[in-house]
Amino acid sequence: MEVINGNSHLEFGDTTVILEGYSQGLNVYDDGSEVYINGTVICTYLNELGEIPDDVYRWDAIYGQNLGETVQRGYQVWAIPFVGCMRKSPLLTRMVTPFAQGWAQEMAHLCDPDNYKGSWLGRAILVTGVPVCRAIGCVMGAWQNKQLPFKA
């Protein structure tokens, strides 16, 4: 990650994502071939807005770190630009908030079931969203390593 004019820049192959005003939760590691964020994106933004409590957000971040690099990469491909849209649209943010709250609540429950109730919505997102993000992450990893016959 590089900071230019106060904005964070993440590079995925030939694509550069500019994150304006996005700082919390950016624990960046660089393995030489790709950059990935260790943590959350949508929940980080909603935590900044006060929509996800700090204690739930911390469990969400811990759970997210254990999903693996491929899932994180696939999630970030769509979630980073999506948060950019959320920042510009209060309506979109209001629409996404219950889904992200459900996800974060379920992650807190999985990490600390004695103190947090689960969420059926969060569980549904987990069983559907993680495989989708893993598939996207695999495609992006192959694309970055130039193992695909086409270029996006």
Protein backbone atom coordinates (compact mmCIF):
# COMPACT_ATOMS: atom_id res chain seq x y z
CA MET A 1 0.00 0.00 0.00
CA GLU A 2 1.19 3.45 -0.85
CA VAL A 3 -0.07 6.79 0.47
CA ILE A 4 -0.25 9.59 -2.11
CA ASN A 5 -1.74 12.99 -1.25
CA GLY A 6 -3.19 11.56 1.96
CA ASN A 7 -5.05 8.73 0.19
CA SER A 8 -4.20 5.04 0.42
CA HIS A 9 -3.57 3.26 -2.89
CA LEU A 10 -3.89 -0.52 -3.20
CA GLU A 11 -2.73 -2.23 -6.37
CA PHE A 12 -4.25 -5.42 -7.74
CA GLY A 13 -2.43 -6.26 -10.98
CA ASP A 14 -3.06 -3.40 -13.39
CA THR A 15 -5.83 -1.95 -11.20
CA THR A 16 -5.22 0.68 -8.53
CA VAL A 17 -7.87 1.31 -5.89
CA ILE A 18 -7.74 4.71 -4.18
CA LEU A 19 -9.14 4.73 -0.66
CA GLU A 20 -10.05 8.27 0.32
CA GLY A 21 -10.26 8.78 4.06
CA TYR A 22 -10.03 5.04 4.77
CA SER A 23 -7.58 4.37 7.55
CA GLN A 24 -8.98 2.28 10.40
CA GLY A 25 -8.32 -1.45 10.13
CA LEU A 26 -5.66 -1.20 7.45
CA ASN A 27 -3.11 -3.73 8.63
CA VAL A 28 -1.27 -4.21 5.38
CA TYR A 29 1.15 -7.00 4.55
CA ASP A 30 3.10 -7.28 1.33
CA ASP A 31 4.45 -10.67 0.29
CA GLY A 32 6.15 -9.20 -2.78
CA SER A 33 3.51 -10.28 -5.30
CA GLU A 34 0.29 -8.90 -3.88
CA VAL A 35 -1.07 -6.65 -1.18
CA TYR A 36 -3.88 -7.73 1.09
CA ILE A 37 -5.64 -6.22 4.07
CA ASN A 38 -5.77 -8.27 7.23
CA GLY A 39 -9.19 -7.38 8.62
CA THR A 40 -12.50 -6.00 7.50
CA VAL A 41 -13.73 -3.45 4.99
CA ILE A 42 -17.51 -2.96 5.20
CA CYS A 43 -17.64 -3.60 8.94
CA THR A 44 -14.73 -1.21 9.46
CA TYR A 45 -16.66 1.56 7.75
CA LEU A 46 -19.82 0.80 9.71
CA ASN A 47 -17.82 0.66 12.94
CA GLU A 48 -16.46 4.12 12.10
CA LEU A 49 -20.09 5.27 11.78
CA GLY A 50 -21.03 3.67 15.11
CA GLU A 51 -23.32 1.09 13.47
CA ILE A 52 -21.26 -1.88 14.68
CA PRO A 53 -20.14 -1.75 18.34
CA ASP A 54 -16.41 -1.92 19.05
CA ASP A 55 -16.59 -5.25 20.90
CA VAL A 56 -18.50 -6.95 18.07
CA TYR A 57 -16.21 -5.33 15.51
CA ARG A 58 -13.11 -6.72 17.25
CA TRP A 59 -14.50 -10.28 17.10
CA ASP A 60 -15.45 -9.74 13.45
CA ALA A 61 -11.89 -8.65 12.65
CA ILE A 62 -10.43 -11.66 14.48
CA TYR A 63 -12.71 -14.05 12.61
CA GLY A 64 -11.90 -12.37 9.29
CA GLN A 65 -8.17 -12.83 9.85
CA ASN A 66 -8.75 -16.58 9.99
CA LEU A 67 -10.69 -16.85 6.72
CA GLY A 68 -7.48 -17.06 4.73
CA GLU A 69 -5.74 -14.92 2.16
CA THR A 70 -7.75 -16.19 -0.82
CA VAL A 71 -11.12 -15.39 0.78
CA GLN A 72 -9.86 -11.99 1.94
CA ARG A 73 -8.55 -11.16 -1.53
CA GLY A 74 -11.87 -12.15 -3.14
CA TYR A 75 -13.82 -10.10 -0.59
CA GLN A 76 -11.63 -7.03 -1.03
CA VAL A 77 -11.98 -7.06 -4.82
CA TRP A 78 -15.61 -6.04 -4.50
CA ALA A 79 -15.85 -4.70 -0.93
CA ILE A 80 -13.26 -1.91 -1.22
CA PRO A 81 -14.96 -0.20 -4.19
CA PHE A 82 -18.35 -0.96 -2.60
CA VAL A 83 -17.43 0.99 0.53
CA GLY A 84 -16.47 3.86 -1.75
CA CYS A 85 -20.04 3.79 -3.06
CA MET A 86 -21.39 3.53 0.50
CA ARG A 87 -19.45 6.64 1.48
CA LYS A 88 -21.21 8.55 -1.29
CA SER A 89 -24.69 7.12 -0.68
CA PRO A 90 -26.35 7.24 2.74
CA LEU A 91 -29.22 5.20 1.27
CA LEU A 92 -26.89 2.39 0.21
CA THR A 93 -25.23 2.49 3.63
CA ARG A 94 -28.64 2.17 5.35
CA MET A 95 -29.53 -0.77 3.09
CA VAL A 96 -26.28 -2.64 3.76
CA THR A 97 -26.12 -1.97 7.50
CA PRO A 98 -28.49 -4.77 8.69
CA PHE A 99 -26.61 -7.35 6.61
CA ALA A 100 -23.21 -6.26 7.93
CA GLN A 101 -24.55 -6.10 11.49
CA GLY A 102 -25.87 -9.66 11.11
CA TRP A 103 -22.53 -10.84 9.74
CA ALA A 104 -20.55 -9.17 12.54
CA GLN A 105 -22.94 -10.49 15.20
CA GLU A 106 -22.55 -14.05 13.89
CA MET A 107 -18.76 -13.68 13.84
CA ALA A 108 -18.82 -12.47 17.45
CA HIS A 109 -21.02 -15.46 18.35
CA LEU A 110 -18.66 -17.92 16.64
CA CYS A 111 -15.69 -16.44 18.50
CA ASP A 112 -17.41 -16.01 21.90
CA PRO A 113 -20.69 -17.98 22.00
CA ASP A 114 -21.14 -17.52 25.75
CA ASN A 115 -21.43 -13.74 25.42
CA TYR A 116 -22.93 -13.14 21.95
CA LYS A 117 -26.09 -14.41 20.31
CA GLY A 118 -25.85 -15.69 16.77
CA SER A 119 -27.58 -14.22 13.75
CA TRP A 120 -29.45 -16.29 11.17
CA LEU A 121 -28.77 -13.57 8.58
CA GLY A 122 -25.05 -13.57 9.43
CA ARG A 123 -24.97 -17.37 9.21
CA ALA A 124 -26.65 -17.26 5.78
CA ILE A 125 -24.10 -14.72 4.56
CA LEU A 126 -21.29 -16.89 5.93
CA VAL A 127 -22.38 -20.07 4.14
CA THR A 128 -22.99 -18.28 0.83
CA GLY A 129 -20.57 -15.34 0.87
CA VAL A 130 -17.38 -17.10 1.91
CA PRO A 131 -17.46 -19.61 -1.00
CA VAL A 132 -18.20 -16.80 -3.46
CA CYS A 133 -15.33 -14.69 -2.10
CA ARG A 134 -13.04 -17.73 -2.17
CA ALA A 135 -13.89 -18.30 -5.86
CA ILE A 136 -13.28 -14.62 -6.68
CA GLY A 137 -10.01 -14.75 -4.74
CA CYS A 138 -8.86 -17.82 -6.68
CA VAL A 139 -9.60 -16.13 -9.99
CA MET A 140 -7.85 -12.93 -8.89
CA GLY A 141 -4.85 -14.88 -7.63
CA ALA A 142 -4.54 -16.72 -10.94
CA TRP A 143 -4.97 -13.45 -12.84
CA GLN A 144 -2.28 -11.75 -10.77
CA ASN A 145 0.03 -14.69 -11.41
CA LYS A 146 -0.85 -14.53 -15.14
CA GLN A 147 -2.25 -18.05 -15.19
CA LEU A 148 -5.46 -17.02 -16.97
CA PRO A 149 -5.75 -16.84 -20.77
CA PHE A 150 -7.36 -13.38 -20.62
CA LYS A 151 -6.80 -10.06 -18.91
CA ALA A 152 -9.58 -8.17 -17.15
